Amino acid sequence: MTVVSHEPIHSERSSWWAQLLVPELWAFLAIAVIWLSVLFTAIYGPDIRTNGAGGDSAIVPSVVVVGLFAFLSTWAVAVFGFRNRR
């Protein structure tokens, strides 16, 4: 006589909780928040105004600087959050 073992029964609560522990989810949320901050800086952020000694002035939107750092931080989060852990 052979015995067939059943697969372990997983409740809905345990599978929902297990999905919260997935690192890719947290990496995705972090990247989404980073780019939402860029969006709100683009809409509501002030300009960076500089005045030179000779009367020259320059105006740069602050989203340019925030976007640069958002790109770099997105790269860092993606490298560590989406890497294979074998």
PDB file of N, CA and C in Angstrom:
ATOM      1  N   MET A   1       0.845  -1.163   0.000  1.00  0.00           N
ATOM      2  CA  MET A   1       0.000   0.000   0.000  1.00  0.00           C
ATOM      3  C   MET A   1       0.899   1.237   0.000  1.00  0.00           C
ATOM      4  N   THR A   2       0.550   2.222  -0.811  1.00  0.00           N
ATOM      5  CA  THR A   2       1.312   3.465  -0.869  1.00  0.00           C
ATOM      6  C   THR A   2       0.519   4.573  -0.194  1.00  0.00           C
ATOM      7  N   VAL A   3       1.277   5.473   0.349  1.00  0.00           N
ATOM      8  CA  VAL A   3       0.666   6.613   1.029  1.00  0.00           C
ATOM      9  C   VAL A   3       1.061   7.877   0.277  1.00  0.00           C
ATOM     10  N   VAL A   4       0.080   8.674  -0.065  1.00  0.00           N
ATOM     11  CA  VAL A   4       0.329   9.939  -0.741  1.00  0.00           C
ATOM     12  C   VAL A   4       0.201  11.045   0.298  1.00  0.00           C
ATOM     13  N   SER A   5       1.278  11.799   0.449  1.00  0.00           N
ATOM     14  CA  SER A   5       1.213  12.892   1.419  1.00  0.00           C
ATOM     15  C   SER A   5       0.547  14.105   0.774  1.00  0.00           C
ATOM     16  N   HIS A   6      -0.162  14.806   1.571  1.00  0.00           N
ATOM     17  CA  HIS A   6      -0.833  16.006   1.096  1.00  0.00           C
ATOM     18  C   HIS A   6       0.096  17.196   1.241  1.00  0.00           C
ATOM     19  N   GLU A   7      -0.124  18.163   0.347  1.00  0.00           N
ATOM     20  CA  GLU A   7       0.642  19.395   0.470  1.00  0.00           C
ATOM     21  C   GLU A   7       0.173  20.139   1.709  1.00  0.00           C
ATOM     22  N   PRO A   8       1.073  20.872   2.347  1.00  0.00           N
ATOM     23  CA  PRO A   8       0.637  21.625   3.529  1.00  0.00           C
ATOM     24  C   PRO A   8      -0.425  22.653   3.158  1.00  0.00           C
ATOM     25  N   ILE A   9      -1.376  22.790   4.022  1.00  0.00           N
ATOM     26  CA  ILE A   9      -2.464  23.735   3.787  1.00  0.00           C
ATOM     27  C   ILE A   9      -2.022  25.110   4.253  1.00  0.00           C
ATOM     28  N   HIS A  10      -2.098  26.073   3.338  1.00  0.00           N
ATOM     29  CA  HIS A  10      -1.738  27.450   3.669  1.00  0.00           C
ATOM     30  C   HIS A  10      -3.016  28.266   3.724  1.00  0.00           C
ATOM     31  N   SER A  11      -3.184  28.946   4.791  1.00  0.00           N
ATOM     32  CA  SER A  11      -4.365  29.792   4.888  1.00  0.00           C
ATOM     33  C   SER A  11      -4.124  31.085   4.122  1.00  0.00           C
ATOM     34  N   GLU A  12      -5.197  31.814   3.872  1.00  0.00           N
ATOM     35  CA  GLU A  12      -5.087  33.090   3.169  1.00  0.00           C
ATOM     36  C   GLU A  12      -4.268  34.094   3.967  1.00  0.00           C
ATOM     37  N   ARG A  13      -4.359  34.019   5.266  1.00  0.00           N
ATOM     38  CA  ARG A  13      -3.634  34.968   6.106  1.00  0.00           C
ATOM     39  C   ARG A  13      -2.121  34.753   5.996  1.00  0.00           C
ATOM     40  N   SER A  14      -1.684  33.516   5.980  1.00  0.00           N
ATOM     41  CA  SER A  14      -0.245  33.277   5.905  1.00  0.00           C
ATOM     42  C   SER A  14       0.314  33.667   4.540  1.00  0.00           C
ATOM     43  N   SER A  15      -0.426  33.441   3.458  1.00  0.00           N
ATOM     44  CA  SER A  15       0.083  33.833   2.149  1.00  0.00           C
ATOM     45  C   SER A  15       0.093  35.355   1.997  1.00  0.00           C
ATOM     46  N   TRP A  16      -0.883  36.028   2.582  1.00  0.00           N
ATOM     47  CA  TRP A  16      -0.896  37.494   2.541  1.00  0.00           C
ATOM     48  C   TRP A  16       0.277  38.048   3.340  1.00  0.00           C
ATOM     49  N   TRP A  17       0.548  37.458   4.484  1.00  0.00           N
ATOM     50  CA  TRP A  17       1.649  37.916   5.320  1.00  0.00           C
ATOM     51  C   TRP A  17       2.982  37.609   4.651  1.00  0.00           C
ATOM     52  N   ALA A  18       3.079  36.479   3.979  1.00  0.00           N
ATOM     53  CA  ALA A  18       4.320  36.114   3.298  1.00  0.00           C
ATOM     54  C   ALA A  18       4.613  37.075   2.151  1.00  0.00           C
ATOM     55  N   GLN A  19       3.593  37.591   1.503  1.00  0.00           N
ATOM     56  CA  GLN A  19       3.818  38.532   0.410  1.00  0.00           C
ATOM     57  C   GLN A  19       4.357  39.867   0.914  1.00  0.00           C
ATOM     58  N   LEU A  20       4.062  40.227   2.153  1.00  0.00           N
ATOM     59  CA  LEU A  20       4.599  41.477   2.706  1.00  0.00           C
ATOM     60  C   LEU A  20       6.091  41.376   2.997  1.00  0.00           C
ATOM     61  N   LEU A  21       6.580  40.172   3.147  1.00  0.00           N
ATOM     62  CA  LEU A  21       7.987  39.988   3.477  1.00  0.00           C
ATOM     63  C   LEU A  21       8.881  39.873   2.251  1.00  0.00           C
ATOM     64  N   VAL A  22       8.322  39.979   1.065  1.00  0.00           N
ATOM     65  CA  VAL A  22       9.097  39.881  -0.169  1.00  0.00           C
ATOM     66  C   VAL A  22       9.893  41.175  -0.348  1.00  0.00           C
ATOM     67  N   PRO A  23      11.222  41.073  -0.479  1.00  0.00           N
ATOM     68  CA  PRO A  23      12.035  42.292  -0.618  1.00  0.00           C
ATOM     69  C   PRO A  23      11.724  43.095  -1.873  1.00  0.00           C
ATOM     70  N   GLU A  24      11.290  42.422  -2.932  1.00  0.00           N
ATOM     71  CA  GLU A  24      10.985  43.146  -4.166  1.00  0.00           C
ATOM     72  C   GLU A  24       9.828  44.120  -3.987  1.00  0.00           C
ATOM     73  N   LEU A  25       8.881  43.765  -3.117  1.00  0.00           N
ATOM     74  CA  LEU A  25       7.758  44.663  -2.845  1.00  0.00           C
ATOM     75  C   LEU A  25       8.249  45.948  -2.203  1.00  0.00           C
ATOM     76  N   TRP A  26       9.138  45.823  -1.226  1.00  0.00           N
ATOM     77  CA  TRP A  26       9.636  47.009  -0.533  1.00  0.00           C
ATOM     78  C   TRP A  26      10.533  47.839  -1.438  1.00  0.00           C
ATOM     79  N   ALA A  27      11.284  47.194  -2.322  1.00  0.00           N
ATOM     80  CA  ALA A  27      12.100  47.946  -3.282  1.00  0.00           C
ATOM     81  C   ALA A  27      11.209  48.729  -4.241  1.00  0.00           C
ATOM     82  N   PHE A  28      10.134  48.091  -4.701  1.00  0.00           N
ATOM     83  CA  PHE A  28       9.195  48.784  -5.586  1.00  0.00           C
ATOM     84  C   PHE A  28       8.566  49.978  -4.883  1.00  0.00           C
ATOM     85  N   LEU A  29       8.134  49.796  -3.638  1.00  0.00           N
ATOM     86  CA  LEU A  29       7.517  50.907  -2.902  1.00  0.00           C
ATOM     87  C   LEU A  29       8.502  52.045  -2.672  1.00  0.00           C
ATOM     88  N   ALA A  30       9.753  51.702  -2.380  1.00  0.00           N
ATOM     89  CA  ALA A  30      10.762  52.744  -2.172  1.00  0.00           C
ATOM     90  C   ALA A  30      11.001  53.543  -3.443  1.00  0.00           C
ATOM     91  N   ILE A  31      11.083  52.852  -4.581  1.00  0.00           N
ATOM     92  CA  ILE A  31      11.299  53.545  -5.857  1.00  0.00           C
ATOM     93  C   ILE A  31      10.088  54.403  -6.209  1.00  0.00           C
ATOM     94  N   ALA A  32       8.897  53.910  -5.930  1.00  0.00           N
ATOM     95  CA  ALA A  32       7.687  54.695  -6.202  1.00  0.00           C
ATOM     96  C   ALA A  32       7.663  55.971  -5.367  1.00  0.00           C
ATOM     97  N   VAL A  33       8.035  55.880  -4.100  1.00  0.00           N
ATOM     98  CA  VAL A  33       8.061  57.069  -3.230  1.00  0.00           C
ATOM     99  C   VAL A  33       9.137  58.047  -3.684  1.00  0.00           C
ATOM    100  N   ILE A  34      10.272  57.533  -4.131  1.00  0.00           N
ATOM    101  CA  ILE A  34      11.342  58.406  -4.626  1.00  0.00           C
ATOM    102  C   ILE A  34      10.841  59.246  -5.799  1.00  0.00           C
ATOM    103  N   TRP A  35      10.180  58.601  -6.752  1.00  0.00           N
ATOM    104  CA  TRP A  35       9.743  59.339  -7.933  1.00  0.00           C
ATOM    105  C   TRP A  35       8.496  60.175  -7.668  1.00  0.00           C
ATOM    106  N   LEU A  36       7.703  59.811  -6.668  1.00  0.00           N
ATOM    107  CA  LEU A  36       6.610  60.701  -6.265  1.00  0.00           C
ATOM    108  C   LEU A  36       7.160  61.988  -5.658  1.00  0.00           C
ATOM    109  N   SER A  37       8.261  61.872  -4.926  1.00  0.00           N
ATOM    110  CA  SER A  37       8.873  63.090  -4.382  1.00  0.00           C
ATOM    111  C   SER A  37       9.416  63.973  -5.501  1.00  0.00           C
ATOM    112  N   VAL A  38       9.915  63.366  -6.565  1.00  0.00           N
ATOM    113  CA  VAL A  38      10.355  64.155  -7.716  1.00  0.00           C
ATOM    114  C   VAL A  38       9.163  64.855  -8.362  1.00  0.00           C
ATOM    115  N   LEU A  39       8.048  64.143  -8.472  1.00  0.00           N
ATOM    116  CA  LEU A  39       6.848  64.743  -9.053  1.00  0.00           C
ATOM    117  C   LEU A  39       6.375  65.945  -8.238  1.00  0.00           C
ATOM    118  N   PHE A  40       6.293  65.788  -6.914  1.00  0.00           N
ATOM    119  CA  PHE A  40       5.826  66.894  -6.087  1.00  0.00           C
ATOM    120  C   PHE A  40       6.831  68.037  -6.031  1.00  0.00           C
ATOM    121  N   THR A  41       8.110  67.732  -6.150  1.00  0.00           N
ATOM    122  CA  THR A  41       9.100  68.803  -6.234  1.00  0.00           C
ATOM    123  C   THR A  41       8.961  69.563  -7.547  1.00  0.00           C
ATOM    124  N   ALA A  42       8.648  68.843  -8.612  1.00  0.00           N
ATOM    125  CA  ALA A  42       8.460  69.510  -9.905  1.00  0.00           C
ATOM    126  C   ALA A  42       7.247  70.424  -9.887  1.00  0.00           C
ATOM    127  N   ILE A  43       6.208  70.016  -9.172  1.00  0.00           N
ATOM    128  CA  ILE A  43       4.987  70.819  -9.144  1.00  0.00           C
ATOM    129  C   ILE A  43       5.097  71.974  -8.153  1.00  0.00           C
ATOM    130  N   TYR A  44       5.543  71.683  -6.932  1.00  0.00           N
ATOM    131  CA  TYR A  44       5.510  72.676  -5.860  1.00  0.00           C
ATOM    132  C   TYR A  44       6.876  73.224  -5.453  1.00  0.00           C
ATOM    133  N   GLY A  45       7.949  72.674  -5.993  1.00  0.00           N
ATOM    134  CA  GLY A  45       9.284  73.069  -5.546  1.00  0.00           C
ATOM    135  C   GLY A  45       9.708  74.431  -6.058  1.00  0.00           C
ATOM    136  N   PRO A  46      10.555  75.095  -5.304  1.00  0.00           N
ATOM    137  CA  PRO A  46      11.037  76.418  -5.729  1.00  0.00           C
ATOM    138  C   PRO A  46      12.175  76.278  -6.744  1.00  0.00           C
ATOM    139  N   ASP A  47      12.578  77.386  -7.293  1.00  0.00           N
ATOM    140  CA  ASP A  47      13.725  77.423  -8.203  1.00  0.00           C
ATOM    141  C   ASP A  47      14.985  77.733  -7.406  1.00  0.00           C
ATOM    142  N   ILE A  48      16.116  77.292  -7.938  1.00  0.00           N
ATOM    143  CA  ILE A  48      17.411  77.646  -7.355  1.00  0.00           C
ATOM    144  C   ILE A  48      17.900  78.876  -8.100  1.00  0.00           C
ATOM    145  N   ARG A  49      18.040  79.977  -7.399  1.00  0.00           N
ATOM    146  CA  ARG A  49      18.443  81.238  -8.018  1.00  0.00           C
ATOM    147  C   ARG A  49      19.842  81.604  -7.526  1.00  0.00           C
ATOM    148  N   THR A  50      20.727  81.889  -8.450  1.00  0.00           N
ATOM    149  CA  THR A  50      22.086  82.302  -8.100  1.00  0.00           C
ATOM    150  C   THR A  50      22.380  83.646  -8.741  1.00  0.00           C
ATOM    151  N   ASN A  51      23.113  84.465  -8.032  1.00  0.00           N
ATOM    152  CA  ASN A  51      23.534  85.772  -8.530  1.00  0.00           C
ATOM    153  C   ASN A  51      25.049  85.812  -8.530  1.00  0.00           C
ATOM    154  N   GLY A  52      25.630  86.106  -9.682  1.00  0.00           N
ATOM    155  CA  GLY A  52      27.074  86.189  -9.797  1.00  0.00           C
ATOM    156  C   GLY A  52      27.582  87.560  -9.387  1.00  0.00           C
ATOM    157  N   ALA A  53      28.896  87.676  -9.336  1.00  0.00           N
ATOM    158  CA  ALA A  53      29.515  88.936  -8.926  1.00  0.00           C
ATOM    159  C   ALA A  53      29.336  90.027  -9.982  1.00  0.00           C
ATOM    160  N   GLY A  54      29.291  89.655 -11.229  1.00  0.00           N
ATOM    161  CA  GLY A  54      29.181  90.646 -12.292  1.00  0.00           C
ATOM    162  C   GLY A  54      27.748  90.972 -12.658  1.00  0.00           C
ATOM    163  N   GLY A  55      26.795  90.581 -11.835  1.00  0.00           N
ATOM    164  CA  GLY A  55      25.406  90.860 -12.128  1.00  0.00           C
ATOM    165  C   GLY A  55      24.724  89.744 -12.904  1.00  0.00           C
ATOM    166  N   ASP A  56      25.472  88.674 -13.176  1.00  0.00           N
ATOM    167  CA  ASP A  56      24.864  87.542 -13.872  1.00  0.00           C
ATOM    168  C   ASP A  56      23.970  86.778 -12.900  1.00  0.00           C
ATOM    169  N   SER A  57      22.917  86.211 -13.422  1.00  0.00           N
ATOM    170  CA  SER A  57      22.040  85.398 -12.582  1.00  0.00           C
ATOM    171  C   SER A  57      21.612  84.158 -13.362  1.00  0.00           C
ATOM    172  N   ALA A  58      21.308  83.114 -12.616  1.00  0.00           N
ATOM    173  CA  ALA A  58      20.851  81.862 -13.231  1.00  0.00           C
ATOM    174  C   ALA A  58      19.701  81.311 -12.401  1.00  0.00           C
ATOM    175  N   ILE A  59      18.755  80.729 -13.095  1.00  0.00           N
ATOM    176  CA  ILE A  59      17.606  80.119 -12.426  1.00  0.00           C
ATOM    177  C   ILE A  59      17.505  78.669 -12.919  1.00  0.00           C
ATOM    178  N   VAL A  60      17.557  77.745 -11.966  1.00  0.00           N
ATOM    179  CA  VAL A  60      17.463  76.320 -12.286  1.00  0.00           C
ATOM    180  C   VAL A  60      16.340  75.739 -11.436  1.00  0.00           C
ATOM    181  N   PRO A  61      15.424  75.007 -12.035  1.00  0.00           N
ATOM    182  CA  PRO A  61      14.386  74.365 -11.222  1.00  0.00           C
ATOM    183  C   PRO A  61      15.009  73.364 -10.249  1.00  0.00           C
ATOM    184  N   SER A  62      14.516  73.315  -9.041  1.00  0.00           N
ATOM    185  CA  SER A  62      15.097  72.425  -8.035  1.00  0.00           C
ATOM    186  C   SER A  62      14.872  70.965  -8.366  1.00  0.00           C
ATOM    187  N   VAL A  63      13.910  70.672  -9.242  1.00  0.00           N
ATOM    188  CA  VAL A  63      13.646  69.285  -9.606  1.00  0.00           C
ATOM    189  C   VAL A  63      14.820  68.679 -10.373  1.00  0.00           C
ATOM    190  N   VAL A  64      15.661  69.489 -10.973  1.00  0.00           N
ATOM    191  CA  VAL A  64      16.828  68.970 -11.677  1.00  0.00           C
ATOM    192  C   VAL A  64      17.770  68.283 -10.691  1.00  0.00           C
ATOM    193  N   VAL A  65      18.033  68.918  -9.578  1.00  0.00           N
ATOM    194  CA  VAL A  65      18.910  68.340  -8.560  1.00  0.00           C
ATOM    195  C   VAL A  65      18.241  67.145  -7.892  1.00  0.00           C
ATOM    196  N   VAL A  66      16.965  67.266  -7.567  1.00  0.00           N
ATOM    197  CA  VAL A  66      16.233  66.169  -6.928  1.00  0.00           C
ATOM    198  C   VAL A  66      16.144  64.976  -7.873  1.00  0.00           C
ATOM    199  N   GLY A  67      15.945  65.233  -9.149  1.00  0.00           N
ATOM    200  CA  GLY A  67      15.880  64.156 -10.134  1.00  0.00           C
ATOM    201  C   GLY A  67      17.192  63.411 -10.278  1.00  0.00           C
ATOM    202  N   LEU A  68      18.303  64.140 -10.212  1.00  0.00           N
ATOM    203  CA  LEU A  68      19.615  63.500 -10.273  1.00  0.00           C
ATOM    204  C   LEU A  68      19.803  62.542  -9.102  1.00  0.00           C
ATOM    205  N   PHE A  69      19.505  63.015  -7.893  1.00  0.00           N
ATOM    206  CA  PHE A  69      19.646  62.146  -6.729  1.00  0.00           C
ATOM    207  C   PHE A  69      18.606  61.028  -6.721  1.00  0.00           C
ATOM    208  N   ALA A  70      17.445  61.266  -7.286  1.00  0.00           N
ATOM    209  CA  ALA A  70      16.433  60.212  -7.397  1.00  0.00           C
ATOM    210  C   ALA A  70      16.903  59.120  -8.345  1.00  0.00           C
ATOM    211  N   PHE A  71      17.544  59.510  -9.436  1.00  0.00           N
ATOM    212  CA  PHE A  71      18.085  58.516 -10.356  1.00  0.00           C
ATOM    213  C   PHE A  71      19.137  57.659  -9.669  1.00  0.00           C
ATOM    214  N   LEU A  72      20.047  58.285  -8.956  1.00  0.00           N
ATOM    215  CA  LEU A  72      21.106  57.537  -8.270  1.00  0.00           C
ATOM    216  C   LEU A  72      20.538  56.629  -7.171  1.00  0.00           C
ATOM    217  N   SER A  73      19.576  57.126  -6.421  1.00  0.00           N
ATOM    218  CA  SER A  73      18.998  56.300  -5.361  1.00  0.00           C
ATOM    219  C   SER A  73      18.129  55.182  -5.933  1.00  0.00           C
ATOM    220  N   THR A  74      17.463  55.417  -7.072  1.00  0.00           N
ATOM    221  CA  THR A  74      16.704  54.352  -7.726  1.00  0.00           C
ATOM    222  C   THR A  74      17.636  53.240  -8.158  1.00  0.00           C
ATOM    223  N   TRP A  75      18.775  53.597  -8.702  1.00  0.00           N
ATOM    224  CA  TRP A  75      19.751  52.596  -9.113  1.00  0.00           C
ATOM    225  C   TRP A  75      20.220  51.779  -7.906  1.00  0.00           C
ATOM    226  N   ALA A  76      20.521  52.445  -6.798  1.00  0.00           N
ATOM    227  CA  ALA A  76      20.997  51.730  -5.614  1.00  0.00           C
ATOM    228  C   ALA A  76      19.916  50.820  -5.035  1.00  0.00           C
ATOM    229  N   VAL A  77      18.697  51.297  -4.949  1.00  0.00           N
ATOM    230  CA  VAL A  77      17.608  50.476  -4.422  1.00  0.00           C
ATOM    231  C   VAL A  77      17.340  49.290  -5.335  1.00  0.00           C
ATOM    232  N   ALA A  78      17.393  49.501  -6.645  1.00  0.00           N
ATOM    233  CA  ALA A  78      17.143  48.416  -7.589  1.00  0.00           C
ATOM    234  C   ALA A  78      18.237  47.353  -7.519  1.00  0.00           C
ATOM    235  N   VAL A  79      19.473  47.769  -7.371  1.00  0.00           N
ATOM    236  CA  VAL A  79      20.568  46.801  -7.294  1.00  0.00           C
ATOM    237  C   VAL A  79      20.410  45.913  -6.065  1.00  0.00           C
ATOM    238  N   PHE A  80      20.122  46.490  -4.928  1.00  0.00           N
ATOM    239  CA  PHE A  80      20.043  45.700  -3.700  1.00  0.00           C
ATOM    240  C   PHE A  80      18.675  45.087  -3.478  1.00  0.00           C
ATOM    241  N   GLY A  81      17.618  45.668  -4.013  1.00  0.00           N
ATOM    242  CA  GLY A  81      16.286  45.150  -3.773  1.00  0.00           C
ATOM    243  C   GLY A  81      15.856  44.065  -4.725  1.00  0.00           C
ATOM    244  N   PHE A  82      16.371  44.088  -5.950  1.00  0.00           N
ATOM    245  CA  PHE A  82      15.957  43.111  -6.951  1.00  0.00           C
ATOM    246  C   PHE A  82      17.045  42.091  -7.288  1.00  0.00           C
ATOM    247  N   ARG A  83      18.070  41.976  -6.464  1.00  0.00           N
ATOM    248  CA  ARG A  83      19.123  41.005  -6.740  1.00  0.00           C
ATOM    249  C   ARG A  83      18.645  39.588  -6.416  1.00  0.00           C
ATOM    250  N   ASN A  84      19.269  38.618  -7.046  1.00  0.00           N
ATOM    251  CA  ASN A  84      18.929  37.214  -6.796  1.00  0.00           C
ATOM    252  C   ASN A  84      19.645  36.738  -5.538  1.00  0.00           C
ATOM    253  N   ARG A  85      18.918  36.075  -4.678  1.00  0.00           N
ATOM    254  CA  ARG A  85      19.496  35.549  -3.442  1.00  0.00           C
ATOM    255  C   ARG A  85      19.493  34.021  -3.514  1.00  0.00           C
ATOM    256  N   ARG A  86      20.455  33.468  -4.208  1.00  0.00           N
ATOM    257  CA  ARG A  86      20.486  32.004  -4.362  1.00  0.00           C
ATOM    258  C   ARG A  86      21.501  31.394  -3.451  1.00  0.00           C
TER     259      ARG A  86
END
